Amino acid sequence: MRYAVPIVDGKVATHFGHCSHFVLFDVDETRNVIMKKEIVASPGHQPGLLPAWLAEEGVSVVIASGMGSRAQSLFRENRIEVVTGTLEEKPEEVVLDYMRGTLATGDNLCDH
């Protein structure tokens, strides 16, 4: 499985579309371990671009703090699961907590 977490300055971005980079994690879900971590620059914030691009990168799950409803819909169309409202700032902890079933979430911080 491949997970994507949007970041700004090394922390989970509060608004998905405004992130500078993504951390891509290849994980072994049977053992709940991260096998590989890669930081890639975001190709930009254009309507519909990020869901298609992340699908091409092989991403299965996106974990974000805030994300608009249109982006969430586009991810579903690309068969990518979306988790919003994460309260954790460290990308690695976000993924590990999600795999363990202990990820703390709150409100989706994006209102559009």
N, C-alpha and C. Protein backbone atom coordinates (compact mmCIF):
# COMPACT_ATOMS: atom_id res chain seq x y z
N MET A 1 0.85 -1.19 0.00
CA MET A 1 0.00 0.00 0.00
C MET A 1 0.88 1.24 0.00
N ARG A 2 0.36 2.27 -0.63
CA ARG A 2 1.07 3.54 -0.65
C ARG A 2 0.15 4.62 -0.08
N TYR A 3 0.68 5.36 0.87
CA TYR A 3 -0.04 6.46 1.52
C TYR A 3 0.60 7.78 1.10
N ALA A 4 -0.21 8.84 1.08
CA ALA A 4 0.30 10.18 0.81
C ALA A 4 -0.17 11.11 1.92
N VAL A 5 0.75 11.95 2.40
CA VAL A 5 0.43 12.95 3.42
C VAL A 5 0.94 14.30 2.91
N PRO A 6 0.06 15.31 2.76
CA PRO A 6 0.50 16.63 2.32
C PRO A 6 1.22 17.35 3.46
N ILE A 7 2.33 18.02 3.11
CA ILE A 7 3.11 18.70 4.16
C ILE A 7 3.49 20.13 3.75
N VAL A 8 3.74 20.94 4.76
CA VAL A 8 4.34 22.27 4.64
C VAL A 8 5.35 22.37 5.77
N ASP A 9 6.58 22.70 5.44
CA ASP A 9 7.65 22.81 6.44
C ASP A 9 7.78 21.54 7.29
N GLY A 10 7.60 20.39 6.66
CA GLY A 10 7.79 19.12 7.34
C GLY A 10 6.63 18.65 8.20
N LYS A 11 5.58 19.47 8.32
CA LYS A 11 4.41 19.12 9.13
C LYS A 11 3.20 18.92 8.23
N VAL A 12 2.22 18.17 8.72
CA VAL A 12 1.00 17.95 7.96
C VAL A 12 0.37 19.30 7.63
N ALA A 13 0.09 19.52 6.34
CA ALA A 13 -0.50 20.77 5.88
C ALA A 13 -1.94 20.89 6.40
N THR A 14 -2.32 22.09 6.84
CA THR A 14 -3.68 22.27 7.32
C THR A 14 -4.67 22.31 6.16
N HIS A 15 -4.23 22.69 4.98
CA HIS A 15 -5.09 22.69 3.79
C HIS A 15 -4.41 21.88 2.70
N PHE A 16 -5.01 20.79 2.33
CA PHE A 16 -4.45 19.84 1.37
C PHE A 16 -3.91 20.51 0.11
N GLY A 17 -4.70 21.33 -0.53
CA GLY A 17 -4.33 21.92 -1.81
C GLY A 17 -3.21 22.93 -1.73
N HIS A 18 -2.88 23.40 -0.55
CA HIS A 18 -1.84 24.42 -0.41
C HIS A 18 -0.51 23.84 0.09
N CYS A 19 -0.38 22.54 0.05
CA CYS A 19 0.87 21.93 0.53
C CYS A 19 2.00 22.18 -0.47
N SER A 20 3.22 22.18 0.04
CA SER A 20 4.39 22.35 -0.83
C SER A 20 4.91 21.01 -1.32
N HIS A 21 4.73 19.97 -0.51
CA HIS A 21 5.24 18.64 -0.81
C HIS A 21 4.27 17.57 -0.31
N PHE A 22 4.52 16.37 -0.76
CA PHE A 22 3.83 15.20 -0.24
C PHE A 22 4.87 14.22 0.26
N VAL A 23 4.56 13.56 1.36
CA VAL A 23 5.39 12.44 1.79
C VAL A 23 4.65 11.19 1.33
N LEU A 24 5.31 10.38 0.53
CA LEU A 24 4.74 9.12 0.07
C LEU A 24 5.35 8.00 0.89
N PHE A 25 4.50 7.18 1.44
CA PHE A 25 4.94 6.07 2.29
C PHE A 25 4.51 4.75 1.66
N ASP A 26 5.46 3.86 1.46
CA ASP A 26 5.14 2.49 1.09
C ASP A 26 5.13 1.70 2.39
N VAL A 27 4.01 1.04 2.65
CA VAL A 27 3.85 0.37 3.94
C VAL A 27 3.52 -1.11 3.77
N ASP A 28 3.88 -1.86 4.78
CA ASP A 28 3.48 -3.25 4.90
C ASP A 28 2.40 -3.27 5.96
N GLU A 29 1.15 -3.34 5.52
CA GLU A 29 0.04 -3.27 6.47
C GLU A 29 -0.11 -4.52 7.31
N THR A 30 0.45 -5.63 6.89
CA THR A 30 0.35 -6.84 7.70
C THR A 30 1.22 -6.73 8.95
N ARG A 31 2.31 -5.96 8.83
CA ARG A 31 3.21 -5.78 9.98
C ARG A 31 3.15 -4.37 10.55
N ASN A 32 2.33 -3.50 9.95
CA ASN A 32 2.20 -2.10 10.38
C ASN A 32 3.55 -1.39 10.43
N VAL A 33 4.31 -1.51 9.34
CA VAL A 33 5.61 -0.83 9.26
C VAL A 33 5.72 -0.05 7.96
N ILE A 34 6.49 1.03 8.05
CA ILE A 34 6.81 1.83 6.86
C ILE A 34 8.04 1.22 6.22
N MET A 35 7.93 0.88 4.95
CA MET A 35 9.03 0.26 4.23
C MET A 35 9.89 1.30 3.51
N LYS A 36 9.25 2.38 3.04
CA LYS A 36 9.96 3.40 2.27
C LYS A 36 9.24 4.73 2.45
N LYS A 37 10.04 5.81 2.50
CA LYS A 37 9.50 7.16 2.63
C LYS A 37 10.14 8.02 1.55
N GLU A 38 9.32 8.78 0.84
CA GLU A 38 9.83 9.64 -0.23
C GLU A 38 9.11 10.98 -0.16
N ILE A 39 9.86 12.06 -0.20
CA ILE A 39 9.27 13.40 -0.21
C ILE A 39 9.33 13.93 -1.63
N VAL A 40 8.16 14.31 -2.17
CA VAL A 40 8.08 14.81 -3.54
C VAL A 40 7.38 16.15 -3.55
N ALA A 41 7.84 17.04 -4.43
CA ALA A 41 7.23 18.35 -4.56
C ALA A 41 5.83 18.23 -5.15
N SER A 42 4.93 19.04 -4.65
CA SER A 42 3.59 19.08 -5.20
C SER A 42 3.64 19.67 -6.61
N PRO A 43 2.89 19.10 -7.56
CA PRO A 43 2.89 19.66 -8.90
C PRO A 43 2.06 20.93 -9.02
N GLY A 44 1.45 21.36 -7.94
CA GLY A 44 0.67 22.60 -7.95
C GLY A 44 -0.77 22.35 -7.59
N HIS A 45 -1.51 23.44 -7.43
CA HIS A 45 -2.90 23.35 -7.02
C HIS A 45 -3.80 23.81 -8.15
N GLN A 46 -4.20 22.86 -8.97
CA GLN A 46 -5.14 23.12 -10.05
C GLN A 46 -6.30 22.15 -9.87
N PRO A 47 -7.51 22.55 -10.17
CA PRO A 47 -8.66 21.66 -9.99
C PRO A 47 -8.45 20.31 -10.69
N GLY A 48 -8.56 19.24 -9.92
CA GLY A 48 -8.48 17.90 -10.47
C GLY A 48 -7.09 17.33 -10.66
N LEU A 49 -6.05 18.15 -10.55
CA LEU A 49 -4.69 17.69 -10.83
C LEU A 49 -4.16 16.72 -9.77
N LEU A 50 -4.27 17.06 -8.50
CA LEU A 50 -3.66 16.25 -7.45
C LEU A 50 -4.25 14.84 -7.33
N PRO A 51 -5.57 14.67 -7.39
CA PRO A 51 -6.09 13.29 -7.32
C PRO A 51 -5.57 12.41 -8.46
N ALA A 52 -5.55 12.92 -9.68
CA ALA A 52 -5.06 12.13 -10.81
C ALA A 52 -3.57 11.85 -10.67
N TRP A 53 -2.80 12.86 -10.25
CA TRP A 53 -1.36 12.70 -10.10
C TRP A 53 -1.03 11.68 -9.02
N LEU A 54 -1.70 11.76 -7.88
CA LEU A 54 -1.43 10.80 -6.81
C LEU A 54 -1.88 9.39 -7.20
N ALA A 55 -2.94 9.28 -7.98
CA ALA A 55 -3.35 7.97 -8.49
C ALA A 55 -2.25 7.39 -9.38
N GLU A 56 -1.64 8.21 -10.22
CA GLU A 56 -0.54 7.76 -11.08
C GLU A 56 0.67 7.34 -10.25
N GLU A 57 0.83 7.95 -9.08
CA GLU A 57 1.94 7.61 -8.18
C GLU A 57 1.65 6.32 -7.39
N GLY A 58 0.47 5.76 -7.58
CA GLY A 58 0.13 4.50 -6.92
C GLY A 58 -0.42 4.65 -5.51
N VAL A 59 -0.86 5.83 -5.15
CA VAL A 59 -1.37 6.09 -3.81
C VAL A 59 -2.73 5.43 -3.62
N SER A 60 -2.93 4.78 -2.47
CA SER A 60 -4.20 4.14 -2.13
C SER A 60 -4.96 4.91 -1.05
N VAL A 61 -4.22 5.65 -0.20
CA VAL A 61 -4.82 6.38 0.91
C VAL A 61 -4.15 7.74 1.04
N VAL A 62 -4.97 8.79 1.18
CA VAL A 62 -4.47 10.14 1.48
C VAL A 62 -4.97 10.51 2.86
N ILE A 63 -4.04 10.95 3.70
CA ILE A 63 -4.41 11.40 5.04
C ILE A 63 -4.07 12.88 5.14
N ALA A 64 -5.09 13.69 5.45
CA ALA A 64 -4.91 15.14 5.46
C ALA A 64 -5.60 15.75 6.67
N SER A 65 -5.26 16.99 6.92
CA SER A 65 -5.93 17.74 7.97
C SER A 65 -7.24 18.30 7.42
N GLY A 66 -7.13 19.05 6.32
CA GLY A 66 -8.32 19.63 5.70
C GLY A 66 -8.32 19.43 4.20
N MET A 67 -9.51 19.15 3.64
CA MET A 67 -9.65 18.94 2.21
C MET A 67 -11.08 19.26 1.79
N GLY A 68 -11.22 19.98 0.70
CA GLY A 68 -12.54 20.33 0.20
C GLY A 68 -13.31 19.13 -0.32
N SER A 69 -14.62 19.28 -0.38
CA SER A 69 -15.48 18.17 -0.79
C SER A 69 -15.26 17.77 -2.24
N ARG A 70 -14.97 18.71 -3.12
CA ARG A 70 -14.71 18.38 -4.53
C ARG A 70 -13.47 17.51 -4.66
N ALA A 71 -12.41 17.84 -3.96
CA ALA A 71 -11.19 17.03 -4.01
C ALA A 71 -11.47 15.63 -3.47
N GLN A 72 -12.23 15.54 -2.39
CA GLN A 72 -12.56 14.23 -1.82
C GLN A 72 -13.31 13.39 -2.85
N SER A 73 -14.23 14.00 -3.55
CA SER A 73 -14.99 13.29 -4.57
C SER A 73 -14.08 12.80 -5.70
N LEU A 74 -13.14 13.64 -6.12
CA LEU A 74 -12.20 13.25 -7.18
C LEU A 74 -11.30 12.10 -6.73
N PHE A 75 -10.91 12.10 -5.47
CA PHE A 75 -10.11 10.99 -4.96
C PHE A 75 -10.91 9.69 -4.99
N ARG A 76 -12.17 9.76 -4.59
CA ARG A 76 -13.01 8.56 -4.63
C ARG A 76 -13.15 8.04 -6.06
N GLU A 77 -13.28 8.95 -7.02
CA GLU A 77 -13.36 8.55 -8.43
C GLU A 77 -12.08 7.84 -8.88
N ASN A 78 -10.95 8.18 -8.24
CA ASN A 78 -9.66 7.56 -8.56
C ASN A 78 -9.36 6.38 -7.64
N ARG A 79 -10.37 5.93 -6.90
CA ARG A 79 -10.25 4.78 -5.99
C ARG A 79 -9.19 4.99 -4.90
N ILE A 80 -9.12 6.20 -4.40
CA ILE A 80 -8.20 6.54 -3.32
C ILE A 80 -9.02 6.90 -2.09
N GLU A 81 -8.72 6.22 -0.99
CA GLU A 81 -9.40 6.50 0.28
C GLU A 81 -8.89 7.82 0.84
N VAL A 82 -9.80 8.61 1.41
CA VAL A 82 -9.44 9.90 2.00
C VAL A 82 -9.77 9.89 3.48
N VAL A 83 -8.80 10.33 4.29
CA VAL A 83 -8.99 10.50 5.72
C VAL A 83 -8.69 11.96 6.01
N THR A 84 -9.65 12.69 6.58
CA THR A 84 -9.43 14.10 6.89
C THR A 84 -9.55 14.34 8.39
N GLY A 85 -9.09 15.51 8.80
CA GLY A 85 -9.23 15.92 10.19
C GLY A 85 -8.13 15.44 11.11
N THR A 86 -7.01 14.96 10.53
CA THR A 86 -5.94 14.49 11.41
C THR A 86 -5.43 15.63 12.29
N LEU A 87 -5.17 15.31 13.53
CA LEU A 87 -4.68 16.29 14.49
C LEU A 87 -3.16 16.19 14.68
N GLU A 88 -2.57 15.13 14.18
CA GLU A 88 -1.13 14.88 14.32
C GLU A 88 -0.37 15.75 13.31
N GLU A 89 0.80 16.24 13.70
CA GLU A 89 1.61 17.08 12.82
C GLU A 89 2.71 16.30 12.10
N LYS A 90 3.14 15.17 12.65
CA LYS A 90 4.25 14.42 12.09
C LYS A 90 3.74 13.40 11.07
N PRO A 91 4.15 13.51 9.80
CA PRO A 91 3.63 12.61 8.77
C PRO A 91 3.80 11.12 9.09
N GLU A 92 4.96 10.73 9.62
CA GLU A 92 5.18 9.32 9.94
C GLU A 92 4.19 8.82 10.98
N GLU A 93 3.95 9.63 12.00
CA GLU A 93 3.03 9.25 13.06
C GLU A 93 1.60 9.15 12.54
N VAL A 94 1.25 10.03 11.59
CA VAL A 94 -0.09 9.98 10.99
C VAL A 94 -0.32 8.60 10.36
N VAL A 95 0.63 8.15 9.57
CA VAL A 95 0.49 6.86 8.88
C VAL A 95 0.51 5.70 9.86
N LEU A 96 1.46 5.72 10.78
CA LEU A 96 1.53 4.63 11.76
C LEU A 96 0.28 4.56 12.63
N ASP A 97 -0.19 5.72 13.09
CA ASP A 97 -1.40 5.74 13.91
C ASP A 97 -2.61 5.25 13.11
N TYR A 98 -2.69 5.62 11.85
CA TYR A 98 -3.80 5.16 11.02
C TYR A 98 -3.77 3.63 10.89
N MET A 99 -2.60 3.08 10.62
CA MET A 99 -2.50 1.63 10.47
C MET A 99 -2.85 0.90 11.77
N ARG A 100 -2.51 1.52 12.90
CA ARG A 100 -2.81 0.91 14.21
C ARG A 100 -4.26 1.11 14.63
N GLY A 101 -4.96 1.97 13.91
CA GLY A 101 -6.34 2.27 14.28
C GLY A 101 -6.45 3.27 15.41
N THR A 102 -5.38 4.06 15.64
CA THR A 102 -5.38 5.01 16.75
C THR A 102 -5.25 6.46 16.30
N LEU A 103 -5.46 6.74 15.01
CA LEU A 103 -5.30 8.10 14.50
C LEU A 103 -6.40 9.00 15.07
N ALA A 104 -5.97 10.06 15.76
CA ALA A 104 -6.92 11.03 16.31
C ALA A 104 -7.32 12.00 15.21
N THR A 105 -8.63 12.18 15.04
CA THR A 105 -9.12 13.12 14.04
C THR A 105 -10.15 14.04 14.67
N GLY A 106 -10.27 15.19 14.06
CA GLY A 106 -11.27 16.17 14.47
C GLY A 106 -12.03 16.62 13.25
N ASP A 107 -12.42 17.87 13.24
CA ASP A 107 -13.15 18.42 12.11
C ASP A 107 -12.23 18.58 10.90
N ASN A 108 -12.81 18.43 9.74
CA ASN A 108 -12.10 18.73 8.49
C ASN A 108 -11.87 20.24 8.51
N LEU A 109 -10.62 20.67 8.45
CA LEU A 109 -10.30 22.08 8.58
C LEU A 109 -10.54 22.90 7.31
N CYS A 110 -11.04 22.27 6.27
CA CYS A 110 -11.32 22.95 5.02
C CYS A 110 -12.83 23.03 4.85
N ASP A 111 -13.32 24.22 4.52
CA ASP A 111 -14.78 24.38 4.45
C ASP A 111 -15.31 24.58 3.04
N HIS A 112 -14.55 24.20 2.03
CA HIS A 112 -15.09 24.33 0.66
C HIS A 112 -14.99 23.04 -0.10
